Amino acid sequence: MLRLCIALSALTAVAWCQCTPGIPSTEAKAFLDAHNKLRNSISSGNYVAKGRRMPAAKTPIPNMVRFQTWDCNIEKSAQKVADTCVFAHSQNRQNLGENLYTMWSSNKVSFTGMGTKASNSWENEFQQFGWNDVKLTRAGFSSGIGHATQMAWAKSTKLGCGMKLCDGDKKVLVVCQYKDAGNYMDQNIYDPR
């Protein structure tokens, strides 16, 4: 697969590769930035979920971009799901977690800003429903925080997302997939200090 490598930051000299064809590079960067912001905040012990400060991580939760982890194969997989225009989790994902987001409008929509909007929507689950424990339990997952916990899952270090305009461009479907998959019951989302 042809890849066009783009420098993300002159300060860190980290490069990542945009998939061709693929989602707009600005949106891929927005997904990575939002995920890393959440992961860094949790790692440092600065994350507050609905009034409760979460404990710092024993070892930092890896940044997605640190390992050049925008994965073109995962993006391709996520794009296939988005191309269906059906808001439903895909089946037979092999070691891939998955988050879905959709937005409708009476006017035409575009991809612009969707990386941030989808990621913020997922992270907001922690604010809306709270986050009681770093160990994922059935009750915690059922409370409605499954998208947010997948974003924060420390063992998930690769990300790829796809987007599709549907219904006459009045709906957008966003799909992000994660490797290694997260959200295993009775496992820690990350290891606290």
N, C-alpha and C. Protein backbone atom coordinates (compact mmCIF):
# COMPACT_ATOMS: atom_id res chain seq x y z
N MET A 1 0.85 -1.16 0.00
CA MET A 1 0.00 0.00 0.00
C MET A 1 0.90 1.24 0.00
N LEU A 2 0.60 2.14 -0.90
CA LEU A 2 1.37 3.38 -0.99
C LEU A 2 1.11 4.24 0.23
N ARG A 3 2.17 4.79 0.82
CA ARG A 3 2.02 5.64 2.00
C ARG A 3 2.76 6.94 1.75
N LEU A 4 2.14 8.01 2.17
CA LEU A 4 2.78 9.31 2.12
C LEU A 4 3.10 9.70 3.55
N CYS A 5 4.39 9.81 3.87
CA CYS A 5 4.80 10.10 5.24
C CYS A 5 4.83 11.60 5.46
N ILE A 6 4.26 12.01 6.57
CA ILE A 6 4.14 13.41 6.91
C ILE A 6 4.72 13.63 8.30
N ALA A 7 5.48 14.69 8.50
CA ALA A 7 5.99 15.01 9.83
C ALA A 7 4.85 15.60 10.64
N LEU A 8 4.59 15.02 11.82
CA LEU A 8 3.55 15.52 12.71
C LEU A 8 4.03 16.68 13.55
N SER A 9 5.24 16.59 14.02
CA SER A 9 5.71 17.62 14.92
C SER A 9 7.21 17.79 14.79
N ALA A 10 7.63 19.01 14.52
CA ALA A 10 9.06 19.28 14.41
C ALA A 10 9.74 19.12 15.76
N LEU A 11 8.99 19.34 16.83
CA LEU A 11 9.58 19.24 18.17
C LEU A 11 9.92 17.81 18.54
N THR A 12 9.06 16.89 18.19
CA THR A 12 9.31 15.50 18.56
C THR A 12 9.90 14.69 17.42
N ALA A 13 9.90 15.26 16.23
CA ALA A 13 10.43 14.60 15.04
C ALA A 13 9.81 13.22 14.85
N VAL A 14 8.54 13.10 15.17
CA VAL A 14 7.82 11.84 14.98
C VAL A 14 7.10 11.91 13.64
N ALA A 15 7.22 10.90 12.85
CA ALA A 15 6.55 10.86 11.55
C ALA A 15 5.49 9.78 11.57
N TRP A 16 4.48 9.96 10.77
CA TRP A 16 3.49 8.92 10.62
C TRP A 16 3.11 8.87 9.15
N CYS A 17 2.49 7.82 8.75
CA CYS A 17 2.18 7.65 7.34
C CYS A 17 0.68 7.74 7.12
N GLN A 18 0.31 8.54 6.13
CA GLN A 18 -1.09 8.62 5.75
C GLN A 18 -1.36 7.53 4.73
N CYS A 19 -2.45 6.86 4.89
CA CYS A 19 -2.81 5.79 3.97
C CYS A 19 -3.38 6.40 2.70
N THR A 20 -3.13 5.76 1.58
CA THR A 20 -3.62 6.25 0.30
C THR A 20 -4.44 5.16 -0.34
N PRO A 21 -5.71 5.36 -0.68
CA PRO A 21 -6.50 6.50 -0.20
C PRO A 21 -6.81 6.32 1.28
N GLY A 22 -7.23 7.35 1.90
CA GLY A 22 -7.54 7.27 3.32
C GLY A 22 -8.32 8.48 3.76
N ILE A 23 -8.63 8.54 5.05
CA ILE A 23 -9.35 9.69 5.56
C ILE A 23 -8.43 10.90 5.51
N PRO A 24 -8.98 12.11 5.54
CA PRO A 24 -8.13 13.30 5.50
C PRO A 24 -7.09 13.29 6.63
N SER A 25 -5.87 13.69 6.31
CA SER A 25 -4.79 13.64 7.30
C SER A 25 -5.11 14.51 8.51
N THR A 26 -5.85 15.60 8.32
CA THR A 26 -6.21 16.44 9.46
C THR A 26 -7.11 15.69 10.42
N GLU A 27 -7.96 14.83 9.92
CA GLU A 27 -8.86 14.06 10.78
C GLU A 27 -8.11 12.92 11.47
N ALA A 28 -7.19 12.27 10.76
CA ALA A 28 -6.36 11.23 11.40
C ALA A 28 -5.57 11.84 12.55
N LYS A 29 -4.99 13.02 12.32
CA LYS A 29 -4.24 13.70 13.37
C LYS A 29 -5.16 14.07 14.54
N ALA A 30 -6.38 14.50 14.24
CA ALA A 30 -7.33 14.86 15.31
C ALA A 30 -7.67 13.64 16.17
N PHE A 31 -7.86 12.47 15.54
CA PHE A 31 -8.11 11.25 16.31
C PHE A 31 -6.93 10.96 17.23
N LEU A 32 -5.73 10.99 16.68
CA LEU A 32 -4.54 10.71 17.48
C LEU A 32 -4.38 11.72 18.61
N ASP A 33 -4.55 13.00 18.31
CA ASP A 33 -4.40 14.04 19.33
C ASP A 33 -5.38 13.84 20.48
N ALA A 34 -6.64 13.57 20.15
CA ALA A 34 -7.67 13.40 21.19
C ALA A 34 -7.38 12.17 22.05
N HIS A 35 -7.00 11.08 21.42
CA HIS A 35 -6.68 9.87 22.17
C HIS A 35 -5.48 10.10 23.08
N ASN A 36 -4.45 10.72 22.54
CA ASN A 36 -3.24 10.95 23.33
C ASN A 36 -3.47 11.94 24.46
N LYS A 37 -4.29 12.93 24.24
CA LYS A 37 -4.61 13.90 25.30
C LYS A 37 -5.26 13.16 26.48
N LEU A 38 -6.23 12.31 26.19
CA LEU A 38 -6.90 11.54 27.24
C LEU A 38 -5.90 10.61 27.93
N ARG A 39 -5.12 9.88 27.17
CA ARG A 39 -4.18 8.92 27.73
C ARG A 39 -3.13 9.62 28.60
N ASN A 40 -2.63 10.77 28.14
CA ASN A 40 -1.64 11.53 28.91
C ASN A 40 -2.23 12.06 30.21
N SER A 41 -3.46 12.54 30.15
CA SER A 41 -4.11 13.07 31.34
C SER A 41 -4.32 11.98 32.39
N ILE A 42 -4.74 10.80 31.93
CA ILE A 42 -4.91 9.67 32.85
C ILE A 42 -3.56 9.26 33.42
N SER A 43 -2.57 9.10 32.55
CA SER A 43 -1.23 8.67 32.99
C SER A 43 -0.67 9.55 34.08
N SER A 44 -0.85 10.85 33.95
CA SER A 44 -0.25 11.80 34.90
C SER A 44 -1.05 11.96 36.18
N GLY A 45 -2.24 11.36 36.24
CA GLY A 45 -3.08 11.50 37.43
C GLY A 45 -3.89 12.78 37.44
N ASN A 46 -4.00 13.44 36.29
CA ASN A 46 -4.75 14.70 36.19
C ASN A 46 -6.16 14.52 35.65
N TYR A 47 -6.55 13.29 35.31
CA TYR A 47 -7.87 13.10 34.70
C TYR A 47 -8.95 13.01 35.77
N VAL A 48 -9.99 13.80 35.59
CA VAL A 48 -11.14 13.80 36.49
C VAL A 48 -12.36 13.36 35.70
N ALA A 49 -13.00 12.29 36.15
CA ALA A 49 -14.20 11.75 35.50
C ALA A 49 -15.39 12.01 36.41
N LYS A 50 -16.25 12.91 35.99
CA LYS A 50 -17.46 13.25 36.74
C LYS A 50 -17.13 13.51 38.22
N GLY A 51 -16.13 14.37 38.43
CA GLY A 51 -15.77 14.78 39.77
C GLY A 51 -14.81 13.87 40.51
N ARG A 52 -14.42 12.74 39.94
CA ARG A 52 -13.51 11.80 40.60
C ARG A 52 -12.18 11.78 39.87
N ARG A 53 -11.11 12.12 40.58
CA ARG A 53 -9.77 12.08 40.00
C ARG A 53 -9.31 10.63 39.93
N MET A 54 -8.88 10.24 38.75
CA MET A 54 -8.40 8.87 38.56
C MET A 54 -6.93 8.79 38.97
N PRO A 55 -6.50 7.65 39.51
CA PRO A 55 -5.10 7.53 39.93
C PRO A 55 -4.16 7.55 38.73
N ALA A 56 -2.96 8.06 38.97
CA ALA A 56 -1.93 8.07 37.93
C ALA A 56 -1.58 6.64 37.55
N ALA A 57 -1.04 6.49 36.36
CA ALA A 57 -0.61 5.17 35.88
C ALA A 57 0.74 4.79 36.47
N LYS A 58 0.90 3.51 36.74
CA LYS A 58 2.17 2.99 37.25
C LYS A 58 3.29 3.25 36.23
N THR A 59 2.99 2.94 35.00
CA THR A 59 3.87 3.31 33.87
C THR A 59 2.98 4.04 32.87
N PRO A 60 3.51 5.04 32.18
CA PRO A 60 2.67 5.84 31.28
C PRO A 60 1.92 4.99 30.26
N ILE A 61 0.67 5.36 30.04
CA ILE A 61 -0.10 4.74 28.98
C ILE A 61 0.53 5.20 27.67
N PRO A 62 0.91 4.29 26.78
CA PRO A 62 1.62 4.70 25.56
C PRO A 62 0.78 5.65 24.70
N ASN A 63 1.43 6.68 24.20
CA ASN A 63 0.79 7.54 23.20
C ASN A 63 0.61 6.75 21.93
N MET A 64 -0.49 6.97 21.26
CA MET A 64 -0.71 6.31 19.99
C MET A 64 0.34 6.75 18.96
N VAL A 65 0.65 8.04 18.89
CA VAL A 65 1.57 8.54 17.88
C VAL A 65 3.02 8.20 18.21
N ARG A 66 3.33 8.00 19.46
CA ARG A 66 4.71 7.70 19.86
C ARG A 66 5.25 6.48 19.11
N PHE A 67 4.39 5.54 18.86
CA PHE A 67 4.81 4.31 18.20
C PHE A 67 4.42 4.30 16.72
N GLN A 68 4.16 5.50 16.18
CA GLN A 68 3.76 5.60 14.77
C GLN A 68 2.63 4.62 14.48
N THR A 69 1.57 4.72 15.28
CA THR A 69 0.59 3.66 15.30
C THR A 69 -0.68 3.94 14.52
N TRP A 70 -0.69 4.94 13.65
CA TRP A 70 -1.81 5.00 12.72
C TRP A 70 -1.57 3.88 11.75
N ASP A 71 -2.42 2.91 11.74
CA ASP A 71 -2.19 1.67 11.01
C ASP A 71 -3.08 1.63 9.77
N CYS A 72 -2.47 1.60 8.59
CA CYS A 72 -3.22 1.61 7.34
C CYS A 72 -4.09 0.36 7.17
N ASN A 73 -3.63 -0.79 7.64
CA ASN A 73 -4.45 -1.99 7.54
C ASN A 73 -5.68 -1.88 8.45
N ILE A 74 -5.48 -1.32 9.64
CA ILE A 74 -6.63 -1.13 10.54
C ILE A 74 -7.56 -0.07 9.97
N GLU A 75 -7.01 1.00 9.40
CA GLU A 75 -7.87 2.01 8.75
C GLU A 75 -8.70 1.37 7.64
N LYS A 76 -8.08 0.53 6.85
CA LYS A 76 -8.80 -0.15 5.76
C LYS A 76 -9.94 -1.01 6.31
N SER A 77 -9.67 -1.72 7.41
CA SER A 77 -10.70 -2.53 8.06
C SER A 77 -11.84 -1.66 8.58
N ALA A 78 -11.49 -0.55 9.25
CA ALA A 78 -12.50 0.37 9.78
C ALA A 78 -13.30 1.01 8.65
N GLN A 79 -12.63 1.32 7.54
CA GLN A 79 -13.32 1.93 6.41
C GLN A 79 -14.36 1.00 5.81
N LYS A 80 -14.05 -0.30 5.77
CA LYS A 80 -15.04 -1.28 5.25
C LYS A 80 -16.31 -1.24 6.09
N VAL A 81 -16.16 -1.09 7.40
CA VAL A 81 -17.33 -1.02 8.28
C VAL A 81 -18.08 0.28 8.02
N ALA A 82 -17.35 1.39 7.93
CA ALA A 82 -17.99 2.69 7.68
C ALA A 82 -18.72 2.68 6.34
N ASP A 83 -18.16 2.04 5.34
CA ASP A 83 -18.76 2.01 4.00
C ASP A 83 -20.14 1.37 3.97
N THR A 84 -20.49 0.59 5.00
CA THR A 84 -21.81 -0.03 5.04
C THR A 84 -22.91 0.98 5.38
N CYS A 85 -22.51 2.11 5.98
CA CYS A 85 -23.47 3.13 6.44
C CYS A 85 -24.45 2.58 7.48
N VAL A 86 -24.09 1.49 8.13
CA VAL A 86 -24.93 0.88 9.16
C VAL A 86 -24.25 1.08 10.51
N PHE A 87 -24.97 1.70 11.45
CA PHE A 87 -24.44 1.94 12.78
C PHE A 87 -24.57 0.66 13.60
N ALA A 88 -23.61 -0.24 13.40
CA ALA A 88 -23.61 -1.52 14.12
C ALA A 88 -22.18 -2.03 14.14
N HIS A 89 -21.78 -2.62 15.29
CA HIS A 89 -20.44 -3.16 15.39
C HIS A 89 -20.25 -4.30 14.39
N SER A 90 -19.06 -4.34 13.83
CA SER A 90 -18.74 -5.39 12.88
C SER A 90 -18.52 -6.71 13.60
N GLN A 91 -18.59 -7.77 12.85
CA GLN A 91 -18.42 -9.12 13.39
C GLN A 91 -17.05 -9.65 13.01
N ASN A 92 -16.59 -10.65 13.73
CA ASN A 92 -15.37 -11.38 13.40
C ASN A 92 -14.13 -10.49 13.33
N ARG A 93 -14.05 -9.52 14.24
CA ARG A 93 -12.84 -8.70 14.33
C ARG A 93 -11.80 -9.52 15.08
N GLN A 94 -10.65 -9.69 14.51
CA GLN A 94 -9.60 -10.47 15.15
C GLN A 94 -8.68 -9.50 15.91
N ASN A 95 -8.83 -9.50 17.23
CA ASN A 95 -8.02 -8.68 18.12
C ASN A 95 -8.12 -7.19 17.79
N LEU A 96 -9.30 -6.75 17.37
CA LEU A 96 -9.54 -5.33 17.12
C LEU A 96 -10.72 -4.86 17.96
N GLY A 97 -10.49 -3.82 18.77
CA GLY A 97 -11.58 -3.14 19.43
C GLY A 97 -12.23 -2.19 18.43
N GLU A 98 -13.41 -1.68 18.76
CA GLU A 98 -14.11 -0.84 17.78
C GLU A 98 -15.00 0.19 18.47
N ASN A 99 -14.90 1.43 18.04
CA ASN A 99 -15.78 2.51 18.47
C ASN A 99 -16.53 3.05 17.27
N LEU A 100 -17.80 3.37 17.48
CA LEU A 100 -18.66 3.93 16.42
C LEU A 100 -19.20 5.28 16.83
N TYR A 101 -19.38 6.15 15.85
CA TYR A 101 -19.98 7.47 16.07
C TYR A 101 -20.73 7.83 14.81
N THR A 102 -21.89 8.45 14.98
CA THR A 102 -22.62 8.94 13.82
C THR A 102 -23.23 10.30 14.13
N MET A 103 -23.42 11.08 13.08
CA MET A 103 -24.04 12.39 13.22
C MET A 103 -24.94 12.61 12.00
N TRP A 104 -26.15 13.09 12.27
CA TRP A 104 -27.11 13.40 11.21
C TRP A 104 -27.35 14.90 11.18
N SER A 105 -27.82 15.38 10.03
CA SER A 105 -28.19 16.79 9.88
C SER A 105 -29.22 16.90 8.78
N SER A 106 -30.00 17.97 8.82
CA SER A 106 -30.94 18.22 7.71
C SER A 106 -30.19 18.82 6.53
N ASN A 107 -28.97 19.30 6.78
CA ASN A 107 -28.10 19.82 5.72
C ASN A 107 -26.98 18.82 5.45
N LYS A 108 -26.27 19.04 4.37
CA LYS A 108 -25.14 18.17 4.06
C LYS A 108 -24.05 18.37 5.11
N VAL A 109 -23.38 17.27 5.45
CA VAL A 109 -22.27 17.29 6.41
C VAL A 109 -20.98 16.96 5.66
N SER A 110 -19.87 17.12 6.33
CA SER A 110 -18.58 16.77 5.76
C SER A 110 -17.75 16.06 6.81
N PHE A 111 -16.56 15.64 6.43
CA PHE A 111 -15.64 15.00 7.36
C PHE A 111 -14.97 15.99 8.30
N THR A 112 -15.01 17.26 7.95
CA THR A 112 -14.29 18.27 8.72
C THR A 112 -14.72 18.28 10.18
N GLY A 113 -13.75 18.09 11.06
CA GLY A 113 -13.99 18.11 12.49
C GLY A 113 -14.48 16.80 13.09
N MET A 114 -14.69 15.78 12.28
CA MET A 114 -15.26 14.53 12.78
C MET A 114 -14.29 13.78 13.69
N GLY A 115 -12.98 13.88 13.46
CA GLY A 115 -12.02 13.21 14.34
C GLY A 115 -12.14 13.71 15.77
N THR A 116 -12.27 15.02 15.90
CA THR A 116 -12.42 15.62 17.23
C THR A 116 -13.80 15.35 17.80
N LYS A 117 -14.86 15.53 17.00
CA LYS A 117 -16.23 15.33 17.50
C LYS A 117 -16.45 13.90 17.98
N ALA A 118 -16.02 12.92 17.19
CA ALA A 118 -16.21 11.52 17.58
C ALA A 118 -15.43 11.20 18.85
N SER A 119 -14.17 11.61 18.89
CA SER A 119 -13.32 11.32 20.05
C SER A 119 -13.86 12.00 21.30
N ASN A 120 -14.29 13.25 21.17
CA ASN A 120 -14.85 13.96 22.33
C ASN A 120 -16.13 13.30 22.82
N SER A 121 -16.94 12.81 21.89
CA SER A 121 -18.17 12.12 22.26
C SER A 121 -17.85 10.85 23.06
N TRP A 122 -16.85 10.10 22.61
CA TRP A 122 -16.48 8.88 23.32
C TRP A 122 -15.91 9.19 24.70
N GLU A 123 -15.00 10.16 24.77
CA GLU A 123 -14.40 10.52 26.05
C GLU A 123 -15.44 11.05 27.02
N ASN A 124 -16.46 11.74 26.50
CA ASN A 124 -17.51 12.32 27.34
C ASN A 124 -18.29 11.27 28.13
N GLU A 125 -18.21 10.01 27.74
CA GLU A 125 -18.87 8.96 28.52
C GLU A 125 -18.36 8.95 29.96
N PHE A 126 -17.06 9.19 30.15
CA PHE A 126 -16.51 9.25 31.51
C PHE A 126 -17.12 10.41 32.28
N GLN A 127 -17.41 11.52 31.62
CA GLN A 127 -17.99 12.69 32.28
C GLN A 127 -19.47 12.47 32.55
N GLN A 128 -20.15 11.83 31.65
CA GLN A 128 -21.58 11.61 31.78
C GLN A 128 -21.92 10.50 32.78
N PHE A 129 -21.18 9.41 32.73
CA PHE A 129 -21.52 8.23 33.53
C PHE A 129 -20.57 7.97 34.69
N GLY A 130 -19.43 8.69 34.73
CA GLY A 130 -18.45 8.46 35.78
C GLY A 130 -17.55 7.30 35.44
N TRP A 131 -16.52 7.13 36.29
CA TRP A 131 -15.55 6.05 36.10
C TRP A 131 -15.09 5.66 37.49
N ASN A 132 -15.59 4.55 37.97
CA ASN A 132 -15.38 4.17 39.36
C ASN A 132 -14.13 3.38 39.66
N ASP A 133 -13.58 2.67 38.67
CA ASP A 133 -12.46 1.77 38.97
C ASP A 133 -11.64 1.55 37.71
N VAL A 134 -10.34 1.38 37.88
CA VAL A 134 -9.49 1.10 36.72
C VAL A 134 -9.69 -0.33 36.22
N LYS A 135 -10.26 -1.20 37.03
CA LYS A 135 -10.61 -2.55 36.57
C LYS A 135 -11.97 -2.47 35.88
N LEU A 136 -12.03 -2.99 34.66
CA LEU A 136 -13.29 -2.98 33.92
C LEU A 136 -14.15 -4.14 34.37
N THR A 137 -15.28 -3.81 34.95
CA THR A 137 -16.24 -4.81 35.39
C THR A 137 -17.45 -4.78 34.46
N ARG A 138 -18.25 -5.79 34.54
CA ARG A 138 -19.48 -5.83 33.73
C ARG A 138 -20.36 -4.62 34.07
N ALA A 139 -20.48 -4.29 35.35
CA ALA A 139 -21.30 -3.14 35.76
C ALA A 139 -20.73 -1.83 35.22
N GLY A 140 -19.41 -1.68 35.27
CA GLY A 140 -18.78 -0.47 34.74
C GLY A 140 -19.00 -0.34 33.24
N PHE A 141 -18.78 -1.43 32.53
CA PHE A 141 -18.97 -1.43 31.08
C PHE A 141 -20.42 -1.13 30.74
N SER A 142 -21.34 -1.76 31.45
CA SER A 142 -22.77 -1.58 31.19
C SER A 142 -23.27 -0.18 31.53
N SER A 143 -22.48 0.56 32.32
CA SER A 143 -22.89 1.93 32.66
C SER A 143 -22.84 2.86 31.46
N GLY A 144 -22.14 2.46 30.42
CA GLY A 144 -22.09 3.28 29.21
C GLY A 144 -20.74 3.90 28.92
N ILE A 145 -19.65 3.33 29.46
CA ILE A 145 -18.34 3.93 29.27
C ILE A 145 -17.44 3.12 28.31
N GLY A 146 -18.01 2.21 27.57
CA GLY A 146 -17.21 1.30 26.73
C GLY A 146 -16.39 1.96 25.64
N HIS A 147 -16.90 3.05 25.04
CA HIS A 147 -16.10 3.76 24.03
C HIS A 147 -14.90 4.45 24.69
N ALA A 148 -15.16 5.09 25.83
CA ALA A 148 -14.10 5.81 26.54
C ALA A 148 -13.03 4.85 27.05
N THR A 149 -13.44 3.72 27.60
CA THR A 149 -12.45 2.77 28.11
C THR A 149 -11.59 2.21 26.98
N GLN A 150 -12.18 2.03 25.79
CA GLN A 150 -11.37 1.56 24.66
C GLN A 150 -10.33 2.62 24.29
N MET A 151 -10.69 3.89 24.33
CA MET A 151 -9.72 4.95 24.05
C MET A 151 -8.56 4.92 25.04
N ALA A 152 -8.86 4.62 26.30
CA ALA A 152 -7.87 4.67 27.37
C ALA A 152 -7.12 3.36 27.56
N TRP A 153 -7.57 2.28 26.93
CA TRP A 153 -7.02 0.95 27.17
C TRP A 153 -5.52 0.95 26.89
N ALA A 154 -4.71 0.72 27.90
CA ALA A 154 -3.26 0.85 27.80
C ALA A 154 -2.63 -0.13 26.82
N LYS A 155 -3.20 -1.30 26.67
CA LYS A 155 -2.62 -2.30 25.77
C LYS A 155 -3.01 -2.08 24.31
N SER A 156 -3.92 -1.15 24.05
CA SER A 156 -4.26 -0.78 22.68
C SER A 156 -3.28 0.29 22.24
N THR A 157 -2.41 -0.04 21.29
CA THR A 157 -1.38 0.91 20.87
C THR A 157 -1.43 1.23 19.38
N LYS A 158 -2.35 0.64 18.65
CA LYS A 158 -2.50 0.94 17.23
C LYS A 158 -3.92 1.38 16.96
N LEU A 159 -4.06 2.33 16.06
CA LEU A 159 -5.36 2.94 15.76
C LEU A 159 -5.51 3.12 14.26
N GLY A 160 -6.70 2.91 13.77
CA GLY A 160 -7.07 3.22 12.40
C GLY A 160 -8.55 3.54 12.36
N CYS A 161 -8.93 4.55 11.61
CA CYS A 161 -10.33 4.98 11.57
C CYS A 161 -10.78 5.15 10.12
N GLY A 162 -12.06 4.96 9.91
CA GLY A 162 -12.67 5.19 8.61
C GLY A 162 -13.90 6.05 8.78
N MET A 163 -14.27 6.77 7.71
CA MET A 163 -15.45 7.64 7.74
C MET A 163 -16.18 7.53 6.41
N LYS A 164 -17.50 7.66 6.48
CA LYS A 164 -18.31 7.58 5.26
C LYS A 164 -19.47 8.56 5.37
N LEU A 165 -19.69 9.33 4.29
CA LEU A 165 -20.88 10.17 4.20
C LEU A 165 -22.00 9.30 3.65
N CYS A 166 -23.17 9.35 4.28
CA CYS A 166 -24.30 8.49 3.94
C CYS A 166 -25.57 9.32 3.79
N ASP A 167 -26.63 8.70 3.32
CA ASP A 167 -27.96 9.32 3.22
C ASP A 167 -27.89 10.69 2.56
N GLY A 168 -27.36 10.73 1.34
CA GLY A 168 -27.27 11.98 0.61
C GLY A 168 -26.36 12.98 1.28
N ASP A 169 -25.32 12.50 1.92
CA ASP A 169 -24.33 13.34 2.63
C ASP A 169 -24.93 14.09 3.81
N LYS A 170 -26.03 13.58 4.36
CA LYS A 170 -26.64 14.20 5.55
C LYS A 170 -26.35 13.42 6.83
N LYS A 171 -25.54 12.40 6.69
CA LYS A 171 -25.13 11.58 7.83
C LYS A 171 -23.68 11.19 7.62
N VAL A 172 -22.93 11.15 8.70
CA VAL A 172 -21.57 10.63 8.63
C VAL A 172 -21.45 9.50 9.64
N LEU A 173 -20.80 8.42 9.23
CA LEU A 173 -20.52 7.30 10.11
C LEU A 173 -19.00 7.24 10.30
N VAL A 174 -18.58 7.23 11.56
CA VAL A 174 -17.17 7.16 11.91
C VAL A 174 -16.92 5.84 12.63
N VAL A 175 -15.88 5.14 12.23
CA VAL A 175 -15.51 3.87 12.85
C VAL A 175 -14.01 3.93 13.16
N CYS A 176 -13.65 3.69 14.42
CA CYS A 176 -12.25 3.54 14.79
C CYS A 176 -12.04 2.14 15.32
N GLN A 177 -10.95 1.54 14.92
CA GLN A 177 -10.59 0.22 15.42
C GLN A 177 -9.22 0.29 16.09
N TYR A 178 -9.04 -0.57 17.08
CA TYR A 178 -7.88 -0.53 17.97
C TYR A 178 -7.24 -1.90 18.06
N LYS A 179 -5.92 -1.91 18.07
CA LYS A 179 -5.19 -3.16 18.27
C LYS A 179 -4.13 -2.88 19.34
N ASP A 180 -4.02 -3.68 20.28
CA ASP A 180 -4.80 -4.84 20.65
C ASP A 180 -6.16 -4.38 21.18
N ALA A 181 -7.16 -5.23 20.98
CA ALA A 181 -8.50 -4.91 21.45
C ALA A 181 -8.50 -4.69 22.95
N GLY A 182 -9.37 -3.81 23.39
CA GLY A 182 -9.53 -3.56 24.81
C GLY A 182 -10.87 -4.07 25.30
N ASN A 183 -11.26 -3.56 26.47
CA ASN A 183 -12.56 -3.86 27.08
C ASN A 183 -12.75 -5.32 27.43
N TYR A 184 -11.71 -5.91 28.02
CA TYR A 184 -11.84 -7.26 28.56
C TYR A 184 -12.29 -7.16 30.01
N MET A 185 -13.34 -7.90 30.33
CA MET A 185 -13.90 -7.86 31.67
C MET A 185 -12.89 -8.35 32.70
N ASP A 186 -12.93 -7.69 33.85
CA ASP A 186 -12.09 -8.02 35.00
C ASP A 186 -10.60 -7.84 34.74
N GLN A 187 -10.26 -6.99 33.76
CA GLN A 187 -8.88 -6.60 33.53
C GLN A 187 -8.76 -5.10 33.76
N ASN A 188 -7.57 -4.67 34.12
CA ASN A 188 -7.33 -3.24 34.31
C ASN A 188 -7.28 -2.53 32.95
N ILE A 189 -7.91 -1.38 32.89
CA ILE A 189 -7.82 -0.52 31.72
C ILE A 189 -6.38 -0.04 31.60
N TYR A 190 -5.79 0.27 32.73
CA TYR A 190 -4.37 0.59 32.86
C TYR A 190 -3.98 0.21 34.29
N ASP A 191 -2.68 0.10 34.55
CA ASP A 191 -2.23 -0.24 35.89
C ASP A 191 -1.98 1.04 36.68
N PRO A 192 -2.70 1.22 37.79
CA PRO A 192 -2.52 2.43 38.59
C PRO A 192 -1.25 2.36 39.44
N ARG A 193 -0.78 3.53 39.81
CA ARG A 193 0.39 3.64 40.70
C ARG A 193 0.03 3.11 42.07
